[in-house]
Every structure is written in C-alpha cells, then in structure tokens.
Amino acid sequence: MSKSSEAQSHLYQLLDDINNKPEPFEFYTAEELWTDEHTSMKMLECHLNDSVDLSSRNKDFIVRSVQWIVSHFGINMGTSIADFGCGPGLYTTLLVENGADVTGIDFSKRSIAHARMVADKKDLNIEYIRKNYLEFETKKRFDLIMMIFCDYCALSPVQRKTLLATFREQLKPDGAVLLDVYSLTEFDKKEEITTYELNQYDHFWSPEKYYAFLNTFKYPNEKITLDKYTILEETRCRVVYNWLQYFNQELLKNEFEENGFIVEEFYSDVAGSPFSSESPEIAVIARKAK
C-alpha cells in the first residue's frame, strides 16, 4: 500500500471513529472535563460569568433560588446542608450567610480553590471537599442535600443509584433532597448534528491550536442525548463525552421511589417556580421513605 493510500485509510478510520455512536453511557470522561489544567480554568471562567447560564446559572437567578431555599426549608442557624457539585461556591456562600452549616463537594481543584478563597475573604466557615461526589463519604448527617444545575442528568443509571444510596445514608431522618433535571420537553427540542470547528469555543479545550468535532446523538428509547467532542491537537487526540438523561414527573418519581425515597413536590426550577409540563427543567423535593 502506498503512503498516500495508508494516509487515506488512516483518515477514513479516524473519521469513522469520530462519527461512531456509542452505547448509552458507554464512556465516562468527567475527569477530563473537570481536572484538565486548561479546561478546568475555562470551566471556572464560565462559572463566574454572572451574565450567562453556562456552568452555573446567572447571579440574579442564584440569589432568587437561595432566597426560596431559605424560606421553603426554614434554613436557620445550624441547618446542615451538603451541596454536591458545589463548583466555586456560588450557592454555599449565600447559604452560610443565611446561617446554615454547609459542606461543599466538587471534583474540580480550581473551583474548590476559588470557593475557599471567597470563604476566607468573607471570613465564612465553609467545609469544602475536593472529591468525586460519587465517592464521597462522611459521618456527618444533613438536613438538606442539594444538587443544582442538572448535574444528576450527567450520570448513568448505575451512578445515579449509587448517588441516591449516598443521599439516603447521609440524610437525617427528616432530611430532604433538592435537585433539578432536564425535562422531556427539552429532549424533544434537541437535534442530532455534526459540526467541525477550529479552536472550538475560543480555545476552550486547549491553549494550542486544535480541531474539534462535535457529534450530538439522541437515544429516543432511553431519553438520553450525547454531545461527543473529539479534540485533535498536533500531538494528541481526546474524546469527551457529555451525556444527559431527561425526565418527566413519572420517570423521576419512579426512580426516586425505587431507591427508597418519597417525592413530595415538583417545581419548574430550584427557585420554586410552579411546575409546568412545558418547562425545560424539573426540580424535585424528596425525603427518605420510612
């Protein structure tokens, strides 16, 4: 085979791999997204951009959300709260300022470092733990466990089962879980696409020159989408898988009940907006079954 034929064959195989649709949740690459030195810096920048809903919701929404949480759950001095996937402490800081005893858990070294810096500057006592929350263990028990901005959707069914078992173990007998998910209304809006871009998202993946492919796949039976990013640099090739599971009230209720919870309430968001079937998100409050 000539060199040109070999190159063509290699290119064909590469393109075939790029466009390959994996099985649902076949690969898990959270570590690549949250621990890569450059990408984690870009993620933190998105978290701290007050004007957009990217890695975190905008500042005005977070303030309204915390006000509702404080009122709805009767947060006061000594209320113990765990924020799973706390990021740079946007919720934890405000909750502690309302008197709560807060523990924040996050995978990202940069996010945790920023959260600790803010706490030190404000002289706030917040316990931050840098860890994959799927592996988080503690003897502490919480009145409220939160998981905000649809983090739950990025986990496989097995991972969600593990997480709900952790929640059950770490909640006080009358404690509550508050989390949000993407709705089937949002799933229906998603379309399968393939795009290609030089230095995608303003050098989000690397400070060096790279070519990035995005393949968005839908799994109609499972109600899952995948954004598959293939990042080609001169000396390396990476693939990042961003999975999202979508729910309606029934699917979410069944999943919680199968794992030892009773669902109390549904909302359209974690700021307490009344539930609407047309909302892109669903917020749920659940407690341990007796």
Protein backbone atom coordinates (compact mmCIF):
# COMPACT_ATOMS: atom_id res chain seq x y z
CA MET A 1 0.00 0.00 0.00
CA SER A 2 1.36 3.43 -0.93
CA LYS A 3 1.90 6.18 1.66
CA SER A 4 -0.99 8.15 0.22
CA SER A 5 -3.26 5.10 0.46
CA GLU A 6 -2.15 4.49 4.04
CA ALA A 7 -2.87 8.12 4.92
CA GLN A 8 -6.28 7.90 3.29
CA SER A 9 -7.07 4.70 5.16
CA HIS A 10 -5.96 6.27 8.45
CA LEU A 11 -8.07 9.38 7.82
CA TYR A 12 -11.08 7.25 6.94
CA GLN A 13 -10.70 5.24 10.16
CA LEU A 14 -10.33 8.43 12.20
CA LEU A 15 -13.48 9.94 10.70
CA ASP A 16 -15.31 6.66 11.26
CA ASP A 17 -14.28 6.71 14.94
CA ILE A 18 -15.29 10.36 15.30
CA ASN A 19 -18.78 9.66 13.97
CA ASN A 20 -19.28 6.39 15.85
CA LYS A 21 -22.34 6.41 18.13
CA PRO A 22 -21.53 4.61 21.39
CA GLU A 23 -23.93 2.72 23.63
CA PRO A 24 -25.70 4.84 26.25
CA PHE A 25 -23.23 5.89 28.97
CA GLU A 26 -20.59 3.57 27.47
CA PHE A 27 -17.83 6.04 28.34
CA TYR A 28 -17.38 8.40 31.30
CA THR A 29 -14.95 11.29 30.96
CA ALA A 30 -15.84 13.67 33.80
CA GLU A 31 -12.24 13.70 34.97
CA GLU A 32 -11.10 15.07 31.60
CA LEU A 33 -13.57 17.93 31.86
CA TRP A 34 -13.03 18.90 35.49
CA THR A 35 -9.38 18.12 36.19
CA ASP A 36 -7.58 19.08 32.97
CA GLU A 37 -5.41 22.10 33.82
CA HIS A 38 -6.58 24.29 30.94
CA THR A 39 -10.18 23.16 30.56
CA SER A 40 -10.89 23.44 34.29
CA MET A 41 -9.70 27.05 34.11
CA LYS A 42 -12.15 27.70 31.27
CA MET A 43 -14.92 25.97 33.23
CA LEU A 44 -14.25 28.23 36.21
CA GLU A 45 -14.46 31.29 33.94
CA CYS A 46 -17.89 30.10 32.80
CA HIS A 47 -18.97 29.55 36.42
CA LEU A 48 -18.01 33.10 37.35
CA ASN A 49 -19.62 34.81 34.36
CA ASP A 50 -22.64 36.38 36.07
CA SER A 51 -24.49 37.19 32.87
CA VAL A 52 -24.89 33.73 31.34
CA ASP A 53 -26.25 30.28 32.23
CA LEU A 54 -23.36 28.05 31.25
CA SER A 55 -21.56 26.14 34.01
CA SER A 56 -23.71 27.94 36.59
CA ARG A 57 -26.90 29.93 36.41
CA ASN A 58 -26.76 33.71 36.34
CA LYS A 59 -26.32 35.69 39.54
CA ASP A 60 -29.90 37.01 39.72
CA PHE A 61 -31.34 33.50 39.49
CA ILE A 62 -28.96 32.16 42.16
CA VAL A 63 -29.97 34.94 44.56
CA ARG A 64 -33.68 34.20 43.98
CA SER A 65 -33.03 30.47 44.29
CA VAL A 66 -31.25 30.81 47.63
CA GLN A 67 -33.98 33.08 48.95
CA TRP A 68 -36.56 30.44 48.07
CA ILE A 69 -34.50 27.60 49.55
CA VAL A 70 -34.00 29.52 52.81
CA SER A 71 -37.73 30.22 53.05
CA HIS A 72 -39.04 26.84 51.87
CA PHE A 73 -36.77 24.69 54.04
CA GLY A 74 -36.66 27.05 57.01
CA ILE A 75 -32.89 27.47 56.86
CA ASN A 76 -31.51 28.94 60.08
CA MET A 77 -28.54 28.71 62.42
CA GLY A 78 -27.28 25.15 62.45
CA THR A 79 -29.21 23.80 59.45
CA SER A 80 -26.78 21.32 57.90
CA ILE A 81 -26.58 21.35 54.10
CA ALA A 82 -24.47 19.39 51.60
CA ASP A 83 -24.04 20.85 48.11
CA PHE A 84 -22.99 18.06 45.73
CA GLY A 85 -21.16 19.63 42.78
CA CYS A 86 -20.77 22.97 44.57
CA GLY A 87 -18.42 24.47 41.95
CA PRO A 88 -16.86 27.76 43.07
CA GLY A 89 -19.29 28.15 45.98
CA LEU A 90 -21.98 30.34 44.45
CA TYR A 91 -24.75 28.69 46.50
CA THR A 92 -22.72 27.64 49.52
CA THR A 93 -21.52 31.17 50.23
CA LEU A 94 -25.04 32.61 50.27
CA LEU A 95 -26.42 29.73 52.35
CA VAL A 96 -23.76 30.17 55.01
CA GLU A 97 -24.51 33.89 55.07
CA ASN A 98 -28.06 32.82 55.97
CA GLY A 99 -26.80 30.84 58.94
CA ALA A 100 -26.52 27.33 57.51
CA ASP A 101 -23.73 24.85 58.26
CA VAL A 102 -22.61 23.95 54.72
CA THR A 103 -20.38 21.29 53.18
CA GLY A 104 -19.47 21.66 49.50
CA ILE A 105 -18.18 18.75 47.42
CA ASP A 106 -16.68 19.15 43.96
CA PHE A 107 -14.32 17.36 41.55
CA SER A 108 -12.53 20.50 40.35
CA LYS A 109 -9.39 21.66 42.15
CA ARG A 110 -9.76 25.13 40.62
CA SER A 111 -13.39 25.51 41.67
CA ILE A 112 -12.71 24.37 45.23
CA ALA A 113 -9.69 26.68 45.47
CA HIS A 114 -11.81 29.63 44.35
CA ALA A 115 -14.60 28.73 46.78
CA ARG A 116 -12.12 28.55 49.68
CA MET A 117 -10.63 31.90 48.67
CA VAL A 118 -14.07 33.54 48.75
CA ALA A 119 -14.86 31.96 52.11
CA ASP A 120 -11.56 33.18 53.57
CA LYS A 121 -12.07 36.70 52.21
CA LYS A 122 -15.59 36.84 53.71
CA ASP A 123 -14.46 35.09 56.93
CA LEU A 124 -17.02 32.33 56.44
CA ASN A 125 -16.71 28.85 57.91
CA ILE A 126 -17.48 26.50 55.00
CA GLU A 127 -16.18 22.96 54.68
CA TYR A 128 -15.05 22.28 51.12
CA ILE A 129 -14.05 18.80 49.99
CA ARG A 130 -12.35 18.16 46.67
CA LYS A 131 -13.62 14.76 45.61
CA ASN A 132 -15.73 12.97 43.03
CA TYR A 133 -19.08 13.09 44.82
CA LEU A 134 -19.79 9.51 43.74
CA GLU A 135 -17.03 8.54 46.17
CA PHE A 136 -17.87 11.00 48.96
CA GLU A 137 -18.17 9.53 52.47
CA THR A 138 -18.79 11.27 55.76
CA LYS A 139 -20.14 10.57 59.23
CA LYS A 140 -21.94 13.90 59.13
CA ARG A 141 -25.70 13.88 58.55
CA PHE A 142 -27.56 16.61 56.69
CA ASP A 143 -30.93 18.35 56.87
CA LEU A 144 -30.74 19.16 53.16
CA ILE A 145 -28.75 17.69 50.27
CA MET A 146 -28.65 19.75 47.08
CA MET A 147 -27.53 19.01 43.55
CA ILE A 148 -28.06 22.05 41.35
CA PHE A 149 -27.90 22.76 37.60
CA CYS A 150 -28.96 19.31 36.41
CA ASP A 151 -25.76 17.51 37.43
CA TYR A 152 -27.91 14.47 38.11
CA CYS A 153 -28.62 14.15 34.38
CA ALA A 154 -24.95 13.66 33.52
CA LEU A 155 -24.82 10.38 35.47
CA SER A 156 -25.58 6.87 34.26
CA PRO A 157 -28.40 4.84 35.85
CA VAL A 158 -25.82 2.91 37.89
CA GLN A 159 -24.15 6.12 39.06
CA ARG A 160 -27.49 7.68 39.96
CA LYS A 161 -28.38 4.62 42.01
CA THR A 162 -25.06 4.93 43.86
CA LEU A 163 -25.68 8.62 44.47
CA LEU A 164 -29.20 8.12 45.81
CA ALA A 165 -27.88 5.46 48.19
CA THR A 166 -25.34 8.02 49.41
CA PHE A 167 -28.09 10.58 49.88
CA ARG A 168 -30.17 8.11 51.93
CA GLU A 169 -27.23 7.29 54.15
CA GLN A 170 -26.18 10.90 54.72
CA LEU A 171 -29.61 12.47 55.29
CA LYS A 172 -31.05 12.96 58.74
CA PRO A 173 -34.34 11.06 59.29
CA ASP A 174 -36.43 14.08 58.25
CA GLY A 175 -33.90 15.49 55.79
CA ALA A 176 -34.70 16.40 52.19
CA VAL A 177 -33.10 16.21 48.76
CA LEU A 178 -33.42 19.09 46.31
CA LEU A 179 -32.20 18.63 42.74
CA ASP A 180 -33.14 19.56 39.21
CA VAL A 181 -33.15 17.68 35.90
CA TYR A 182 -33.80 18.37 32.24
CA SER A 183 -37.33 17.62 31.07
CA LEU A 184 -38.60 15.59 28.12
CA THR A 185 -39.76 18.90 26.65
CA GLU A 186 -36.11 19.86 26.37
CA PHE A 187 -35.22 16.43 24.96
CA ASP A 188 -37.74 16.89 22.16
CA LYS A 189 -36.02 20.15 21.14
CA LYS A 190 -32.60 18.54 20.73
CA GLU A 191 -31.45 17.61 17.25
CA GLU A 192 -28.71 15.32 16.03
CA ILE A 193 -25.95 17.38 14.46
CA THR A 194 -22.30 17.13 13.42
CA THR A 195 -20.10 20.23 13.41
CA TYR A 196 -16.41 20.94 12.99
CA GLU A 197 -14.54 23.98 14.28
CA LEU A 198 -11.01 25.30 14.60
CA ASN A 199 -10.17 26.15 18.24
CA GLN A 200 -13.74 25.44 19.29
CA TYR A 201 -15.34 27.78 21.86
CA ASP A 202 -12.43 30.23 21.84
CA HIS A 203 -9.71 27.75 22.83
CA PHE A 204 -11.88 26.07 25.45
CA TRP A 205 -10.16 22.70 25.11
CA SER A 206 -6.53 23.79 24.77
CA PRO A 207 -4.36 26.94 24.55
CA GLU A 208 -2.73 25.36 21.49
CA LYS A 209 -4.19 25.06 18.02
CA TYR A 210 -6.71 22.23 17.68
CA TYR A 211 -9.54 20.95 15.53
CA ALA A 212 -12.74 19.91 17.30
CA PHE A 213 -15.63 17.79 16.11
CA LEU A 214 -18.98 17.81 17.89
CA ASN A 215 -21.39 14.94 17.32
CA THR A 216 -24.75 15.26 19.05
CA PHE A 217 -26.57 11.93 19.25
CA LYS A 218 -30.10 11.21 20.50
CA TYR A 219 -31.28 7.95 22.07
CA PRO A 220 -35.10 8.12 21.77
CA ASN A 221 -35.86 4.95 23.73
CA GLU A 222 -33.66 5.87 26.67
CA LYS A 223 -34.37 9.64 26.57
CA ILE A 224 -30.66 10.42 26.52
CA THR A 225 -28.51 12.78 24.48
CA LEU A 226 -24.77 12.74 23.97
CA ASP A 227 -22.50 15.60 22.97
CA LYS A 228 -19.35 13.81 21.84
CA TYR A 229 -16.34 16.10 21.45
CA THR A 230 -13.30 14.85 19.56
CA ILE A 231 -10.36 17.23 20.03
CA LEU A 232 -7.41 16.83 17.66
CA GLU A 233 -4.13 18.54 18.57
CA GLU A 234 -0.80 18.06 16.87
CA THR A 235 0.42 15.60 19.50
CA ARG A 236 -2.75 14.12 20.97
CA CYS A 237 -6.38 13.23 20.35
CA ARG A 238 -9.00 13.36 23.10
CA VAL A 239 -12.67 12.44 23.25
CA VAL A 240 -15.00 13.96 25.83
CA TYR A 241 -18.49 12.53 26.34
CA ASN A 242 -21.20 14.78 27.76
CA TRP A 243 -24.21 12.58 28.50
CA LEU A 244 -27.60 13.92 29.58
CA GLN A 245 -30.58 11.95 30.84
CA TYR A 246 -34.04 13.58 30.51
CA PHE A 247 -37.09 13.01 32.71
CA ASN A 248 -40.76 13.69 33.18
CA GLN A 249 -42.51 13.62 36.55
CA GLU A 250 -43.34 9.93 36.32
CA LEU A 251 -39.84 8.80 35.38
CA LEU A 252 -38.28 10.89 38.14
CA LYS A 253 -40.82 9.78 40.74
CA ASN A 254 -40.30 6.11 39.87
CA GLU A 255 -36.51 6.40 40.06
CA PHE A 256 -36.63 8.01 43.49
CA GLU A 257 -39.18 5.54 44.84
CA GLU A 258 -37.16 2.57 43.58
CA ASN A 259 -34.24 3.89 45.62
CA GLY A 260 -36.03 4.45 48.91
CA PHE A 261 -37.43 7.98 48.62
CA ILE A 262 -40.83 9.63 48.61
CA VAL A 263 -41.25 12.53 46.21
CA GLU A 264 -43.02 15.43 47.91
CA GLU A 265 -43.11 18.23 45.35
CA PHE A 266 -42.24 19.21 41.79
CA TYR A 267 -41.33 22.69 40.57
CA SER A 268 -40.14 24.14 37.27
CA ASP A 269 -36.83 25.23 38.78
CA VAL A 270 -34.91 25.43 42.05
CA ALA A 271 -36.26 28.95 42.66
CA GLY A 272 -39.70 27.49 43.39
CA SER A 273 -41.47 28.38 40.13
CA PRO A 274 -44.78 26.46 39.85
CA PHE A 275 -44.46 23.25 37.87
CA SER A 276 -45.25 23.39 34.16
CA SER A 277 -45.04 20.47 31.75
CA GLU A 278 -43.58 22.92 29.21
CA SER A 279 -40.65 23.88 31.42
CA PRO A 280 -37.18 22.85 30.20
CA GLU A 281 -36.34 21.68 33.71
CA ILE A 282 -37.96 19.90 36.64
CA ALA A 283 -36.99 20.47 40.26
CA VAL A 284 -37.87 17.80 42.79
CA ILE A 285 -38.01 17.62 46.58
CA ALA A 286 -37.82 14.13 48.08
CA ARG A 287 -37.42 12.60 51.53
CA LYS A 288 -36.42 9.15 52.75
CA ALA A 289 -39.21 6.61 52.85
CA LYS A 290 -39.91 5.47 56.39
